[in-house]
């Protein structure tokens, strides 16, 4: 979860009922906890480039796109890129 550099990586967040605002509220709670309670220097995540819904939610709570890992994940015969956000 953390390192000596106080960098936290959000691995995955899954919301069973989308479009009710639960994901955004959960992210606000996580951001507050990571920075205020754990004194993090950095909080980052990766998200599939094609997942526009998730990227929009992350941007709405303050995450910014930092880069793209091209063809980083292979599923069956397809490769998918990941967007790094922090």
N, C-alpha and C. Protein backbone atom coordinates (compact mmCIF):
# COMPACT_ATOMS: atom_id res chain seq x y z
N UNK A 1 0.82 -1.20 0.00
CA UNK A 1 0.00 0.00 0.00
C UNK A 1 0.86 1.25 0.00
N UNK A 2 1.93 1.28 0.74
CA UNK A 2 2.75 2.48 0.74
C UNK A 2 4.21 2.09 0.72
N UNK A 3 5.04 3.03 0.48
CA UNK A 3 6.48 2.82 0.49
C UNK A 3 7.11 3.91 1.32
N UNK A 4 8.44 3.90 1.39
CA UNK A 4 9.14 4.94 2.14
C UNK A 4 8.91 6.32 1.53
N UNK A 5 8.57 6.36 0.25
CA UNK A 5 8.31 7.63 -0.43
C UNK A 5 6.90 8.13 -0.18
N UNK A 6 6.11 7.38 0.58
CA UNK A 6 4.72 7.72 0.88
C UNK A 6 3.89 7.91 -0.38
N UNK A 7 4.05 6.95 -1.28
CA UNK A 7 3.29 6.92 -2.52
C UNK A 7 2.28 5.79 -2.42
N UNK A 8 1.01 6.10 -2.65
CA UNK A 8 -0.05 5.12 -2.54
C UNK A 8 -0.65 4.86 -3.91
N UNK A 9 -0.87 3.59 -4.20
CA UNK A 9 -1.44 3.16 -5.48
C UNK A 9 -2.83 2.59 -5.23
N UNK A 10 -3.83 3.19 -5.84
CA UNK A 10 -5.19 2.66 -5.77
C UNK A 10 -5.27 1.55 -6.82
N UNK A 11 -5.35 0.31 -6.37
CA UNK A 11 -5.31 -0.82 -7.29
C UNK A 11 -6.63 -0.98 -8.03
N UNK A 12 -7.72 -1.09 -7.33
CA UNK A 12 -9.02 -1.21 -7.97
C UNK A 12 -10.10 -0.73 -7.02
N UNK A 13 -11.14 -0.19 -7.59
CA UNK A 13 -12.34 0.14 -6.83
C UNK A 13 -13.52 -0.29 -7.69
N UNK A 14 -14.42 -1.06 -7.11
CA UNK A 14 -15.57 -1.57 -7.85
C UNK A 14 -16.83 -1.13 -7.12
N UNK A 15 -17.72 -0.51 -7.85
CA UNK A 15 -18.99 -0.04 -7.30
C UNK A 15 -20.10 -0.87 -7.95
N UNK A 16 -20.88 -1.54 -7.13
CA UNK A 16 -21.92 -2.45 -7.64
C UNK A 16 -23.05 -1.70 -8.35
N UNK A 17 -23.38 -0.50 -7.88
CA UNK A 17 -24.47 0.27 -8.48
C UNK A 17 -23.92 1.59 -9.00
N UNK A 18 -23.52 1.62 -10.28
CA UNK A 18 -22.96 2.86 -10.84
C UNK A 18 -24.01 3.96 -10.98
N UNK A 19 -23.51 5.17 -11.14
CA UNK A 19 -24.30 6.38 -11.39
C UNK A 19 -25.16 6.82 -10.20
N UNK A 20 -24.79 6.39 -9.01
CA UNK A 20 -25.48 6.85 -7.80
C UNK A 20 -24.58 7.73 -6.94
N UNK A 21 -23.35 7.97 -7.41
CA UNK A 21 -22.43 8.83 -6.67
C UNK A 21 -21.60 8.13 -5.62
N UNK A 22 -21.77 6.81 -5.46
CA UNK A 22 -21.02 6.09 -4.43
C UNK A 22 -19.52 6.08 -4.72
N UNK A 23 -19.15 5.92 -5.97
CA UNK A 23 -17.74 5.88 -6.35
C UNK A 23 -17.04 7.19 -6.04
N UNK A 24 -17.69 8.28 -6.38
CA UNK A 24 -17.10 9.60 -6.12
C UNK A 24 -16.95 9.83 -4.62
N UNK A 25 -17.96 9.47 -3.85
CA UNK A 25 -17.87 9.64 -2.39
C UNK A 25 -16.78 8.77 -1.80
N UNK A 26 -16.66 7.54 -2.30
CA UNK A 26 -15.60 6.64 -1.81
C UNK A 26 -14.23 7.23 -2.12
N UNK A 27 -14.07 7.80 -3.30
CA UNK A 27 -12.79 8.40 -3.66
C UNK A 27 -12.45 9.59 -2.78
N UNK A 28 -13.43 10.44 -2.50
CA UNK A 28 -13.18 11.57 -1.60
C UNK A 28 -12.71 11.09 -0.23
N UNK A 29 -13.33 10.03 0.28
CA UNK A 29 -12.93 9.47 1.58
C UNK A 29 -11.50 8.92 1.51
N UNK A 30 -11.20 8.19 0.44
CA UNK A 30 -9.85 7.64 0.29
C UNK A 30 -8.80 8.74 0.17
N UNK A 31 -9.08 9.74 -0.63
CA UNK A 31 -8.13 10.85 -0.80
C UNK A 31 -7.86 11.53 0.53
N UNK A 32 -8.91 11.81 1.28
CA UNK A 32 -8.77 12.46 2.58
C UNK A 32 -7.92 11.59 3.52
N UNK A 33 -8.22 10.30 3.57
CA UNK A 33 -7.50 9.39 4.45
C UNK A 33 -6.03 9.30 4.06
N UNK A 34 -5.76 9.10 2.78
CA UNK A 34 -4.38 8.93 2.31
C UNK A 34 -3.53 10.16 2.61
N UNK A 35 -4.08 11.35 2.35
CA UNK A 35 -3.27 12.55 2.54
C UNK A 35 -3.27 13.07 3.98
N UNK A 36 -4.40 13.00 4.65
CA UNK A 36 -4.47 13.56 6.01
C UNK A 36 -4.00 12.58 7.08
N UNK A 37 -4.39 11.33 6.99
CA UNK A 37 -4.03 10.37 8.03
C UNK A 37 -2.68 9.70 7.79
N UNK A 38 -2.36 9.41 6.53
CA UNK A 38 -1.11 8.74 6.21
C UNK A 38 -0.02 9.69 5.71
N UNK A 39 -0.35 10.97 5.58
CA UNK A 39 0.61 11.98 5.13
C UNK A 39 1.28 11.59 3.82
N UNK A 40 0.50 11.11 2.88
CA UNK A 40 1.03 10.68 1.59
C UNK A 40 1.61 11.85 0.82
N UNK A 41 2.60 11.54 0.03
CA UNK A 41 3.17 12.50 -0.90
C UNK A 41 2.49 12.38 -2.27
N UNK A 42 2.04 11.15 -2.58
CA UNK A 42 1.48 10.87 -3.91
C UNK A 42 0.40 9.80 -3.80
N UNK A 43 -0.66 9.95 -4.58
CA UNK A 43 -1.75 8.98 -4.66
C UNK A 43 -2.05 8.81 -6.14
N UNK A 44 -1.84 7.62 -6.66
CA UNK A 44 -1.96 7.41 -8.09
C UNK A 44 -2.72 6.13 -8.40
N UNK A 45 -3.09 5.98 -9.67
CA UNK A 45 -3.81 4.80 -10.13
C UNK A 45 -3.58 4.63 -11.61
N UNK A 46 -3.95 3.45 -12.10
CA UNK A 46 -4.02 3.25 -13.55
C UNK A 46 -5.42 2.79 -13.88
N UNK A 47 -5.86 3.15 -15.06
CA UNK A 47 -7.22 2.84 -15.51
C UNK A 47 -7.15 2.53 -17.00
N UNK A 48 -7.96 1.56 -17.43
CA UNK A 48 -7.96 1.25 -18.86
C UNK A 48 -8.32 2.49 -19.66
N UNK A 49 -7.59 2.71 -20.73
CA UNK A 49 -7.78 3.89 -21.57
C UNK A 49 -9.21 3.98 -22.08
N UNK A 50 -9.84 2.86 -22.37
CA UNK A 50 -11.20 2.87 -22.92
C UNK A 50 -12.28 3.04 -21.85
N UNK A 51 -11.93 3.07 -20.58
CA UNK A 51 -12.92 3.18 -19.49
C UNK A 51 -13.23 4.66 -19.21
N UNK A 52 -14.01 5.25 -20.08
CA UNK A 52 -14.31 6.68 -19.99
C UNK A 52 -15.07 7.04 -18.72
N UNK A 53 -15.97 6.18 -18.27
CA UNK A 53 -16.75 6.45 -17.06
C UNK A 53 -15.83 6.61 -15.85
N UNK A 54 -14.93 5.67 -15.67
CA UNK A 54 -14.00 5.73 -14.54
C UNK A 54 -13.07 6.93 -14.66
N UNK A 55 -12.54 7.17 -15.85
CA UNK A 55 -11.63 8.32 -16.04
C UNK A 55 -12.34 9.63 -15.71
N UNK A 56 -13.59 9.74 -16.09
CA UNK A 56 -14.35 10.95 -15.79
C UNK A 56 -14.51 11.13 -14.27
N UNK A 57 -14.83 10.06 -13.57
CA UNK A 57 -14.98 10.14 -12.11
C UNK A 57 -13.66 10.53 -11.47
N UNK A 58 -12.56 9.89 -11.88
CA UNK A 58 -11.25 10.22 -11.30
C UNK A 58 -10.90 11.69 -11.55
N UNK A 59 -11.15 12.17 -12.76
CA UNK A 59 -10.88 13.58 -13.06
C UNK A 59 -11.75 14.50 -12.21
N UNK A 60 -12.99 14.11 -11.97
CA UNK A 60 -13.91 14.98 -11.22
C UNK A 60 -13.51 15.15 -9.76
N UNK A 61 -12.69 14.23 -9.23
CA UNK A 61 -12.23 14.37 -7.84
C UNK A 61 -10.80 14.87 -7.77
N UNK A 62 -10.23 15.24 -8.91
CA UNK A 62 -8.93 15.90 -8.90
C UNK A 62 -7.76 15.14 -9.51
N UNK A 63 -7.95 13.91 -9.92
CA UNK A 63 -6.85 13.18 -10.56
C UNK A 63 -6.58 13.77 -11.94
N UNK A 64 -5.30 13.80 -12.31
CA UNK A 64 -4.88 14.32 -13.62
C UNK A 64 -4.16 13.21 -14.38
N UNK A 65 -4.35 13.19 -15.67
CA UNK A 65 -3.66 12.23 -16.53
C UNK A 65 -2.18 12.57 -16.57
N UNK A 66 -1.34 11.57 -16.31
CA UNK A 66 0.11 11.77 -16.33
C UNK A 66 0.78 11.08 -17.51
N UNK A 67 0.14 10.08 -18.05
CA UNK A 67 0.75 9.37 -19.17
C UNK A 67 -0.04 8.13 -19.52
N UNK A 68 0.46 7.43 -20.53
CA UNK A 68 -0.21 6.22 -21.01
C UNK A 68 0.82 5.11 -21.14
N UNK A 69 0.47 3.94 -20.62
CA UNK A 69 1.26 2.74 -20.82
C UNK A 69 0.62 1.99 -21.98
N UNK A 70 1.22 2.10 -23.15
CA UNK A 70 0.64 1.52 -24.36
C UNK A 70 0.69 -0.01 -24.32
N UNK A 71 -0.44 -0.62 -24.66
CA UNK A 71 -0.54 -2.07 -24.77
C UNK A 71 0.04 -2.79 -23.55
N UNK A 72 -0.31 -2.32 -22.37
CA UNK A 72 0.27 -2.83 -21.13
C UNK A 72 -0.37 -4.11 -20.63
N UNK A 73 -1.61 -4.36 -21.02
CA UNK A 73 -2.35 -5.53 -20.52
C UNK A 73 -2.85 -6.34 -21.71
N UNK A 74 -2.58 -7.65 -21.66
CA UNK A 74 -3.08 -8.53 -22.72
C UNK A 74 -4.23 -9.35 -22.17
N UNK A 75 -5.34 -9.34 -22.89
CA UNK A 75 -6.50 -10.18 -22.58
C UNK A 75 -6.85 -10.91 -23.86
N UNK A 76 -6.68 -12.24 -23.80
CA UNK A 76 -6.86 -13.09 -24.98
C UNK A 76 -5.96 -12.58 -26.10
N UNK A 77 -6.51 -12.21 -27.23
CA UNK A 77 -5.69 -11.78 -28.37
C UNK A 77 -5.60 -10.28 -28.51
N UNK A 78 -6.01 -9.54 -27.47
CA UNK A 78 -6.01 -8.07 -27.57
C UNK A 78 -5.11 -7.47 -26.50
N UNK A 79 -4.55 -6.32 -26.83
CA UNK A 79 -3.75 -5.55 -25.88
C UNK A 79 -4.52 -4.27 -25.55
N UNK A 80 -4.40 -3.85 -24.30
CA UNK A 80 -5.10 -2.65 -23.84
C UNK A 80 -4.10 -1.72 -23.16
N UNK A 81 -4.31 -0.44 -23.36
CA UNK A 81 -3.44 0.59 -22.77
C UNK A 81 -4.02 1.05 -21.44
N UNK A 82 -3.13 1.48 -20.54
CA UNK A 82 -3.51 2.00 -19.25
C UNK A 82 -3.15 3.48 -19.16
N UNK A 83 -4.03 4.28 -18.61
CA UNK A 83 -3.75 5.69 -18.36
C UNK A 83 -3.33 5.80 -16.89
N UNK A 84 -2.20 6.47 -16.67
CA UNK A 84 -1.72 6.72 -15.30
C UNK A 84 -2.29 8.07 -14.88
N UNK A 85 -2.90 8.09 -13.70
CA UNK A 85 -3.49 9.33 -13.17
C UNK A 85 -3.02 9.51 -11.72
N UNK A 86 -2.83 10.74 -11.31
CA UNK A 86 -2.42 11.01 -9.94
C UNK A 86 -3.03 12.32 -9.47
